[in-house]
């Protein structure tokens, strides 16, 4: 998924601020973040319903290892020179259970959607050809690092992330030298607690999660108003503002069930998946209508508001304030379901994350005698995409209007615990 837009300074500013004591400018950024990153008051005031028990059916663990192997996830789990490893026992059966719920709900409301839930875990790798790399993610951008009191996963996929490494770890390193950065990061993390690493990363907008830090396996939903239960997806309009994997997968599944899905992209910041394999982007977005808007212009913002106003369902992955600045507030949505897919939930808008580091935060890793390794490929993304589609269909069938707060890290925790 696209990370939350919470980078409060450019890489150049990060480097310039190195002349200040780290504690001083970090505290300044923390105060600024606290003032700026607020969720909608309407959203905060609403009572919360945990959808998790409603979305997962019975979990049969008897063939868990076979599911993990047969779907291709085992081949993506373990060290490059070692054998494939089993993942958390509940993940495969939980994905199968979600796929069955998707089939049941889609048949009830529209077209029957049959999907191999566990196979989604290896769907991207079958296109990219990526394989297991132990403490390096299949895609290569995320690393598991030993800290003073545990492990963290950090993704340095973007130039701005690497530029902020000196500030993050209070070290002097040439950020243009990838090998030097990797070596320095490993050494500095070893001497730092997981809490400090995660907190500093959040301040700088670096995707970082501590292994197993998210223990709550919830899918919170807030009732925004009343509506009759939906009888059919015929004519249902979904506006998909998301990017990369989780949100687009959710939109793809809703499209297969019979909804009309409109994919909206910024003309200056298109879906990052366009930078990857064309086959994967097409797989996520085939059948959707496409709208490209200049969201820096009033005309583009007005058109976006018009699309949202006419939507029955919205899928997005932005921090609340980013949309509020364009006059769009999820808490005031008049459609049926607003699905917010973020790294750690709307209550933690400062934190950013991708599918690999948030999976680690949710405890979704494998282990060998040397320690934890990544399990599958960016597992929190396909998990959240499938879970999000089931959550949307569940709320449509139940009636009323809802804001569903789906977190990648919490989704991973849910699948890990079953």
Protein backbone atom coordinates (compact mmCIF):
# COMPACT_ATOMS: atom_id res chain seq x y z
CA UNK A 1 0.00 0.00 0.00
CA UNK A 2 0.99 3.62 -0.31
CA UNK A 3 2.53 4.89 2.96
CA UNK A 4 0.81 7.66 4.84
CA UNK A 5 1.87 11.12 3.72
CA UNK A 6 3.54 12.08 6.98
CA UNK A 7 7.00 13.23 5.93
CA UNK A 8 7.22 16.65 7.58
CA UNK A 9 10.49 17.73 6.01
CA UNK A 10 12.32 17.13 2.79
CA UNK A 11 15.52 15.03 2.80
CA UNK A 12 17.49 18.25 2.44
CA UNK A 13 15.85 19.66 5.56
CA UNK A 14 16.58 16.41 7.40
CA UNK A 15 20.26 16.78 6.60
CA UNK A 16 20.34 20.47 7.41
CA UNK A 17 18.81 19.82 10.79
CA UNK A 18 21.70 17.56 11.70
CA UNK A 19 23.42 20.72 12.90
CA UNK A 20 20.91 20.88 15.77
CA UNK A 21 20.98 18.48 18.71
CA UNK A 22 18.91 15.48 17.64
CA UNK A 23 16.71 15.53 20.74
CA UNK A 24 15.87 19.18 20.17
CA UNK A 25 14.67 19.07 16.58
CA UNK A 26 12.98 15.70 17.05
CA UNK A 27 10.93 17.10 19.93
CA UNK A 28 10.03 20.06 17.72
CA UNK A 29 8.83 17.68 15.00
CA UNK A 30 6.88 15.64 17.54
CA UNK A 31 5.02 18.71 18.78
CA UNK A 32 4.35 19.74 15.20
CA UNK A 33 3.09 16.28 14.31
CA UNK A 34 0.81 16.19 17.34
CA UNK A 35 -0.75 19.49 16.30
CA UNK A 36 -1.09 18.60 12.63
CA UNK A 37 -2.07 14.92 12.49
CA UNK A 38 -5.59 14.76 13.90
CA UNK A 39 -8.38 12.44 12.93
CA UNK A 40 -11.89 13.68 12.21
CA UNK A 41 -13.80 14.63 15.36
CA UNK A 42 -16.81 12.89 13.87
CA UNK A 43 -14.80 9.68 13.52
CA UNK A 44 -13.42 9.90 17.06
CA UNK A 45 -16.83 10.40 18.64
CA UNK A 46 -18.50 7.42 16.97
CA UNK A 47 -18.85 4.07 18.79
CA UNK A 48 -16.58 1.30 17.53
CA UNK A 49 -17.51 -2.20 16.38
CA UNK A 50 -14.80 -4.83 15.91
CA UNK A 51 -15.51 -6.62 12.64
CA UNK A 52 -12.85 -9.31 13.07
CA UNK A 53 -15.17 -11.97 14.57
CA UNK A 54 -17.68 -11.33 11.75
CA UNK A 55 -15.17 -11.68 8.91
CA UNK A 56 -13.31 -14.87 9.80
CA UNK A 57 -15.23 -18.12 9.83
CA UNK A 58 -14.06 -21.42 11.25
CA UNK A 59 -10.30 -21.91 10.97
CA UNK A 60 -9.18 -25.45 10.15
CA UNK A 61 -5.50 -25.80 11.02
CA UNK A 62 -5.17 -29.47 10.09
CA UNK A 63 -3.54 -28.78 6.71
CA UNK A 64 -1.82 -25.50 7.55
CA UNK A 65 1.68 -26.55 6.49
CA UNK A 66 0.42 -28.00 3.21
CA UNK A 67 -1.48 -24.80 2.45
CA UNK A 68 1.62 -22.70 3.09
CA UNK A 69 3.71 -24.87 0.79
CA UNK A 70 1.17 -25.38 -1.99
CA UNK A 71 0.30 -21.68 -2.32
CA UNK A 72 3.95 -20.76 -2.89
CA UNK A 73 4.50 -18.88 0.38
CA UNK A 74 7.02 -21.41 1.71
CA UNK A 75 9.29 -20.82 -1.29
CA UNK A 76 9.37 -17.14 -0.28
CA UNK A 77 10.15 -17.85 3.37
CA UNK A 78 13.58 -18.64 4.77
CA UNK A 79 17.19 -17.85 4.02
CA UNK A 80 18.46 -17.75 0.45
CA UNK A 81 20.81 -20.70 0.99
CA UNK A 82 18.53 -22.57 3.39
CA UNK A 83 15.34 -24.61 3.10
CA UNK A 84 11.84 -23.14 2.79
CA UNK A 85 10.32 -22.49 6.21
CA UNK A 86 6.77 -22.75 7.54
CA UNK A 87 5.06 -19.50 8.40
CA UNK A 88 2.72 -18.81 11.33
CA UNK A 89 0.34 -21.76 11.39
CA UNK A 90 -2.91 -19.77 11.18
CA UNK A 91 -2.09 -17.61 8.15
CA UNK A 92 -2.93 -20.03 5.32
CA UNK A 93 -6.14 -21.35 6.92
CA UNK A 94 -7.23 -17.80 7.79
CA UNK A 95 -6.74 -16.65 4.19
CA UNK A 96 -8.76 -19.64 3.00
CA UNK A 97 -11.52 -18.77 5.46
CA UNK A 98 -11.59 -15.17 4.23
CA UNK A 99 -11.82 -16.36 0.62
CA UNK A 100 -14.83 -18.51 1.53
CA UNK A 101 -16.50 -15.50 3.19
CA UNK A 102 -15.79 -13.46 0.06
CA UNK A 103 -17.42 -16.14 -2.08
CA UNK A 104 -20.46 -16.30 0.19
CA UNK A 105 -21.01 -12.53 0.36
CA UNK A 106 -20.30 -11.87 -3.32
CA UNK A 107 -22.77 -14.58 -4.35
CA UNK A 108 -25.38 -13.04 -2.07
CA UNK A 109 -24.92 -9.51 -3.41
CA UNK A 110 -23.61 -9.91 -6.95
CA UNK A 111 -21.39 -12.26 -8.94
CA UNK A 112 -19.74 -15.23 -7.26
CA UNK A 113 -16.05 -14.48 -6.69
CA UNK A 114 -13.85 -17.54 -6.29
CA UNK A 115 -10.29 -16.75 -5.24
CA UNK A 116 -7.51 -18.88 -3.77
CA UNK A 117 -6.89 -16.90 -0.58
CA UNK A 118 -3.52 -18.41 0.40
CA UNK A 119 -2.24 -18.06 -3.19
CA UNK A 120 -2.59 -14.28 -2.92
CA UNK A 121 0.44 -14.34 -0.61
CA UNK A 122 2.69 -15.30 -3.52
CA UNK A 123 0.80 -13.54 -6.32
CA UNK A 124 3.26 -10.71 -6.88
CA UNK A 125 6.35 -12.91 -6.58
CA UNK A 126 5.02 -15.17 -9.33
CA UNK A 127 5.20 -12.13 -11.60
CA UNK A 128 8.44 -10.55 -10.35
CA UNK A 129 10.36 -13.79 -9.88
CA UNK A 130 11.53 -12.72 -6.43
CA UNK A 131 12.55 -15.37 -3.91
CA UNK A 132 13.36 -15.73 -0.23
CA UNK A 133 16.25 -13.72 1.21
CA UNK A 134 16.03 -14.31 4.96
CA UNK A 135 16.31 -11.02 6.81
CA UNK A 136 15.95 -9.10 3.54
CA UNK A 137 12.46 -8.91 2.04
CA UNK A 138 11.70 -10.63 -1.25
CA UNK A 139 11.57 -7.25 -2.96
CA UNK A 140 14.85 -6.20 -1.37
CA UNK A 141 13.78 -2.87 0.19
CA UNK A 142 13.03 -4.01 3.75
CA UNK A 143 15.45 -5.46 6.31
CA UNK A 144 15.07 -7.18 9.66
CA UNK A 145 17.55 -5.68 12.11
CA UNK A 146 18.58 -6.88 15.54
CA UNK A 147 18.10 -4.13 18.12
CA UNK A 148 19.24 -3.89 21.72
CA UNK A 149 16.09 -5.58 23.02
CA UNK A 150 14.51 -7.27 20.01
CA UNK A 151 14.06 -6.91 16.27
CA UNK A 152 12.75 -4.22 13.93
CA UNK A 153 11.90 -4.18 10.24
CA UNK A 154 12.73 -1.02 8.31
CA UNK A 155 11.95 -0.22 4.69
CA UNK A 156 14.32 2.16 2.93
CA UNK A 157 12.69 1.99 -0.49
CA UNK A 158 12.50 5.74 -1.11
CA UNK A 159 15.26 8.31 -1.51
CA UNK A 160 13.80 10.39 1.32
CA UNK A 161 13.98 7.42 3.70
CA UNK A 162 17.69 6.87 3.05
CA UNK A 163 18.37 10.60 3.31
CA UNK A 164 16.96 10.62 6.83
CA UNK A 165 19.03 7.67 8.09
CA UNK A 166 21.71 9.92 9.70
CA UNK A 167 19.04 11.75 11.68
CA UNK A 168 17.21 8.52 12.53
CA UNK A 169 20.26 6.78 14.01
CA UNK A 170 22.35 9.82 15.01
CA UNK A 171 25.21 8.70 12.77
CA UNK A 172 27.37 10.21 10.06
CA UNK A 173 27.12 8.16 6.87
CA UNK A 174 27.22 8.84 3.15
CA UNK A 175 23.61 8.11 2.15
CA UNK A 176 24.67 7.74 -1.49
CA UNK A 177 26.73 4.66 -0.54
CA UNK A 178 24.18 1.84 -0.17
CA UNK A 179 26.66 -0.61 1.36
CA UNK A 180 27.84 1.96 3.88
CA UNK A 181 24.25 2.74 4.83
CA UNK A 182 23.41 -0.95 5.33
CA UNK A 183 26.50 -1.51 7.48
CA UNK A 184 25.93 1.60 9.57
CA UNK A 185 22.23 0.86 10.07
CA UNK A 186 22.92 -2.67 11.30
CA UNK A 187 25.57 -1.46 13.76
CA UNK A 188 23.53 1.45 15.10
CA UNK A 189 20.33 -0.58 15.48
CA UNK A 190 22.18 -3.19 17.55
CA UNK A 191 22.87 -0.54 20.22
CA UNK A 192 19.38 1.02 20.25
CA UNK A 193 16.09 -0.15 21.75
CA UNK A 194 13.17 -1.05 19.52
CA UNK A 195 11.02 1.66 21.11
CA UNK A 196 13.53 4.39 20.28
CA UNK A 197 14.03 3.10 16.73
CA UNK A 198 10.29 3.03 16.07
CA UNK A 199 9.62 6.42 17.66
CA UNK A 200 12.40 8.19 15.76
CA UNK A 201 11.37 6.53 12.51
CA UNK A 202 7.79 7.71 13.00
CA UNK A 203 8.98 11.29 13.48
CA UNK A 204 10.93 11.13 10.22
CA UNK A 205 8.34 9.26 8.16
CA UNK A 206 10.53 6.14 7.85
CA UNK A 207 8.58 2.85 7.64
CA UNK A 208 9.68 0.86 10.70
CA UNK A 209 7.98 -1.67 12.95
CA UNK A 210 9.11 -3.69 15.96
CA UNK A 211 8.61 -7.43 15.73
CA UNK A 212 5.24 -8.35 17.27
CA UNK A 213 4.53 -4.86 18.60
CA UNK A 214 0.89 -5.00 17.44
CA UNK A 215 -1.02 -7.46 19.57
CA UNK A 216 -4.61 -6.34 19.02
CA UNK A 217 -6.18 -8.30 16.17
CA UNK A 218 -9.02 -5.90 15.38
CA UNK A 219 -10.82 -4.41 12.40
CA UNK A 220 -12.57 -1.36 13.92
CA UNK A 221 -15.66 0.06 12.23
CA UNK A 222 -17.56 3.18 13.21
CA UNK A 223 -21.21 3.69 12.32
CA UNK A 224 -21.67 7.01 10.53
CA UNK A 225 -25.42 6.84 9.97
CA UNK A 226 -28.35 4.67 8.97
CA UNK A 227 -29.05 2.88 5.69
CA UNK A 228 -31.00 -0.15 4.58
CA UNK A 229 -29.04 -3.37 3.97
CA UNK A 230 -27.86 -3.61 0.37
CA UNK A 231 -29.57 -6.28 -1.71
CA UNK A 232 -27.44 -6.09 -4.85
CA UNK A 233 -24.15 -4.63 -6.06
CA UNK A 234 -25.80 -3.64 -9.33
CA UNK A 235 -25.10 0.06 -9.83
CA UNK A 236 -22.82 0.31 -6.79
CA UNK A 237 -20.01 2.84 -7.32
CA UNK A 238 -16.61 2.34 -5.69
CA UNK A 239 -14.07 5.18 -5.83
CA UNK A 240 -10.59 3.72 -5.38
CA UNK A 241 -8.06 6.33 -4.22
CA UNK A 242 -5.51 3.74 -3.11
CA UNK A 243 -2.27 2.59 -4.70
CA UNK A 244 0.29 -0.23 -4.81
CA UNK A 245 -1.27 -3.50 -3.57
CA UNK A 246 -3.72 -3.73 -0.65
CA UNK A 247 -6.28 -1.14 -1.75
CA UNK A 248 -6.13 -1.97 -5.47
CA UNK A 249 -6.59 -5.68 -4.65
CA UNK A 250 -9.67 -4.81 -2.60
CA UNK A 251 -11.04 -2.79 -5.52
CA UNK A 252 -10.26 -5.62 -7.94
CA UNK A 253 -12.27 -8.09 -5.85
CA UNK A 254 -15.22 -5.70 -5.54
CA UNK A 255 -15.09 -5.18 -9.31
CA UNK A 256 -15.22 -8.96 -9.81
CA UNK A 257 -18.29 -9.08 -7.55
CA UNK A 258 -20.15 -6.65 -9.81
CA UNK A 259 -19.38 -3.16 -8.52
CA UNK A 260 -18.39 -0.28 -10.76
CA UNK A 261 -14.88 0.75 -9.64
CA UNK A 262 -13.33 4.11 -10.54
CA UNK A 263 -9.58 4.34 -9.95
CA UNK A 264 -8.42 7.88 -9.21
CA UNK A 265 -4.77 8.90 -9.51
CA UNK A 266 -2.90 12.15 -9.06
CA UNK A 267 -1.33 13.49 -12.25
CA UNK A 268 1.81 14.41 -10.30
CA UNK A 269 1.92 11.32 -8.08
CA UNK A 270 0.46 8.32 -9.91
CA UNK A 271 0.12 4.87 -8.41
CA UNK A 272 3.62 3.67 -7.46
CA UNK A 273 2.79 0.23 -8.83
CA UNK A 274 3.20 1.75 -12.29
CA UNK A 275 6.94 1.73 -11.60
CA UNK A 276 6.91 -2.04 -11.22
CA UNK A 277 5.92 -4.89 -13.55
CA UNK A 278 3.12 -3.89 -15.91
CA UNK A 279 1.51 -7.32 -15.46
CA UNK A 280 1.06 -6.76 -11.75
CA UNK A 281 -0.44 -3.29 -12.17
CA UNK A 282 -2.86 -4.61 -14.79
CA UNK A 283 -3.78 -7.55 -12.57
CA UNK A 284 -4.71 -5.20 -9.73
CA UNK A 285 -6.61 -2.69 -11.85
CA UNK A 286 -8.08 -4.44 -14.89
CA UNK A 287 -11.74 -3.59 -15.40
CA UNK A 288 -11.64 -0.37 -13.40
CA UNK A 289 -12.41 3.00 -14.90
CA UNK A 290 -9.48 5.43 -14.70
CA UNK A 291 -9.54 9.11 -13.73
CA UNK A 292 -6.39 11.25 -13.45
CA UNK A 293 -6.64 14.57 -11.59
CA UNK A 294 -4.33 17.45 -10.76
CA UNK A 295 -4.97 17.44 -7.01
CA UNK A 296 -2.88 20.57 -6.52
CA UNK A 297 -5.42 22.55 -8.55
CA UNK A 298 -8.85 23.66 -7.37
CA UNK A 299 -10.47 22.05 -10.38
CA UNK A 300 -8.90 18.70 -9.55
CA UNK A 301 -9.91 18.91 -5.91
CA UNK A 302 -13.46 19.86 -6.88
CA UNK A 303 -13.69 16.90 -9.25
CA UNK A 304 -12.36 14.58 -6.54
CA UNK A 305 -14.98 15.85 -4.09
CA UNK A 306 -17.64 15.27 -6.73
CA UNK A 307 -16.49 11.69 -7.26
CA UNK A 308 -16.45 11.00 -3.52
CA UNK A 309 -19.89 12.56 -3.06
CA UNK A 310 -21.28 10.22 -5.71
CA UNK A 311 -19.62 7.09 -4.34
CA UNK A 312 -21.24 4.29 -2.38
CA UNK A 313 -17.82 3.00 -1.29
CA UNK A 314 -14.46 4.77 -0.99
CA UNK A 315 -11.12 2.97 -0.66
CA UNK A 316 -8.17 5.14 0.42
CA UNK A 317 -4.84 4.99 2.22
CA UNK A 318 -4.11 8.60 3.16
CA UNK A 319 -3.79 10.17 6.56
CA UNK A 320 -7.04 11.95 7.52
CA UNK A 321 -5.63 15.46 7.35
CA UNK A 322 -4.39 15.02 3.77
CA UNK A 323 -7.94 14.63 2.50
CA UNK A 324 -9.42 17.12 4.95
CA UNK A 325 -7.17 19.80 3.46
CA UNK A 326 -9.02 19.19 0.19
CA UNK A 327 -12.39 19.44 1.93
CA UNK A 328 -12.99 15.69 2.20
CA UNK A 329 -13.76 14.22 5.63
CA UNK A 330 -14.35 10.49 6.03
CA UNK A 331 -16.45 11.14 9.11
CA UNK A 332 -18.92 13.15 7.01
CA UNK A 333 -19.14 10.61 4.16
CA UNK A 334 -22.71 10.14 2.92
CA UNK A 335 -22.13 6.87 1.09
CA UNK A 336 -22.30 3.39 2.56
CA UNK A 337 -18.73 2.30 3.38
CA UNK A 338 -15.50 4.27 3.68
CA UNK A 339 -12.56 1.86 3.83
CA UNK A 340 -9.41 3.43 5.24
CA UNK A 341 -6.33 1.23 4.74
CA UNK A 342 -3.30 2.56 6.59
CA UNK A 343 -0.16 1.18 8.20
CA UNK A 344 -1.21 1.27 11.87
CA UNK A 345 -4.72 2.72 11.84
CA UNK A 346 -6.21 6.19 11.89
CA UNK A 347 -5.33 6.62 15.57
CA UNK A 348 -1.62 6.59 14.60
CA UNK A 349 -1.53 8.85 11.52
CA UNK A 350 2.17 9.71 12.04
CA UNK A 351 3.33 6.18 11.27
CA UNK A 352 4.02 4.95 7.76
CA UNK A 353 4.45 1.42 6.55
CA UNK A 354 4.59 -1.02 3.67
CA UNK A 355 3.56 -4.67 3.46
CA UNK A 356 6.82 -6.16 4.75
CA UNK A 357 7.53 -3.99 7.79
CA UNK A 358 3.89 -3.95 8.94
CA UNK A 359 3.71 -7.74 8.64
CA UNK A 360 6.66 -7.95 11.03
CA UNK A 361 4.95 -5.51 13.40
CA UNK A 362 1.95 -7.85 13.40
CA UNK A 363 4.18 -10.81 14.27
CA UNK A 364 3.97 -12.43 10.84
CA UNK A 365 7.47 -13.87 10.48
CA UNK A 366 9.11 -17.28 10.34
CA UNK A 367 11.95 -18.45 12.57
CA UNK A 368 15.00 -20.65 12.36
CA UNK A 369 17.87 -21.21 14.79
CA UNK A 370 19.42 -17.86 13.83
CA UNK A 371 16.32 -15.79 14.46
CA UNK A 372 13.34 -14.32 12.56
CA UNK A 373 13.08 -14.08 8.77
CA UNK A 374 10.47 -12.57 6.47
CA UNK A 375 7.45 -14.75 5.74
CA UNK A 376 6.18 -14.55 2.13
CA UNK A 377 6.23 -11.32 0.09
CA UNK A 378 4.89 -8.13 1.73
CA UNK A 379 2.28 -10.36 3.36
CA UNK A 380 0.31 -7.57 5.04
CA UNK A 381 -0.69 -6.22 1.61
CA UNK A 382 -2.57 -9.21 0.13
CA UNK A 383 -3.98 -9.99 3.58
CA UNK A 384 -5.38 -6.47 3.90
CA UNK A 385 -6.69 -6.42 0.34
CA UNK A 386 -8.72 -9.60 0.84
CA UNK A 387 -9.77 -8.63 4.35
CA UNK A 388 -10.84 -5.19 3.14
CA UNK A 389 -13.06 -6.62 0.40
CA UNK A 390 -14.77 -8.97 2.84
CA UNK A 391 -15.23 -6.12 5.33
CA UNK A 392 -16.84 -3.87 2.69
CA UNK A 393 -19.25 -6.59 1.53
CA UNK A 394 -20.08 -7.48 5.13
CA UNK A 395 -20.98 -3.88 5.97
CA UNK A 396 -22.99 -3.43 2.76
CA UNK A 397 -25.03 -6.52 3.60
CA UNK A 398 -25.52 -5.47 7.22
CA UNK A 399 -26.90 -2.02 6.44
CA UNK A 400 -26.09 1.45 7.80
CA UNK A 401 -23.13 3.64 6.82
CA UNK A 402 -19.65 2.77 8.06
CA UNK A 403 -16.06 3.92 8.35
CA UNK A 404 -13.83 0.83 8.44
CA UNK A 405 -10.37 1.46 9.91
CA UNK A 406 -8.21 -1.31 8.45
CA UNK A 407 -4.56 -1.37 9.51
CA UNK A 408 -1.98 -3.48 7.70
CA UNK A 409 -0.22 -4.31 10.96
CA UNK A 410 -3.45 -5.29 12.72
CA UNK A 411 -4.55 -7.33 9.71
CA UNK A 412 -1.27 -9.25 9.86
CA UNK A 413 -1.75 -9.80 13.58
CA UNK A 414 -5.27 -11.12 12.95
CA UNK A 415 -4.07 -13.64 10.38
CA UNK A 416 -1.19 -14.71 12.60
CA UNK A 417 -3.47 -15.43 15.54
CA UNK A 418 -6.41 -16.77 13.51
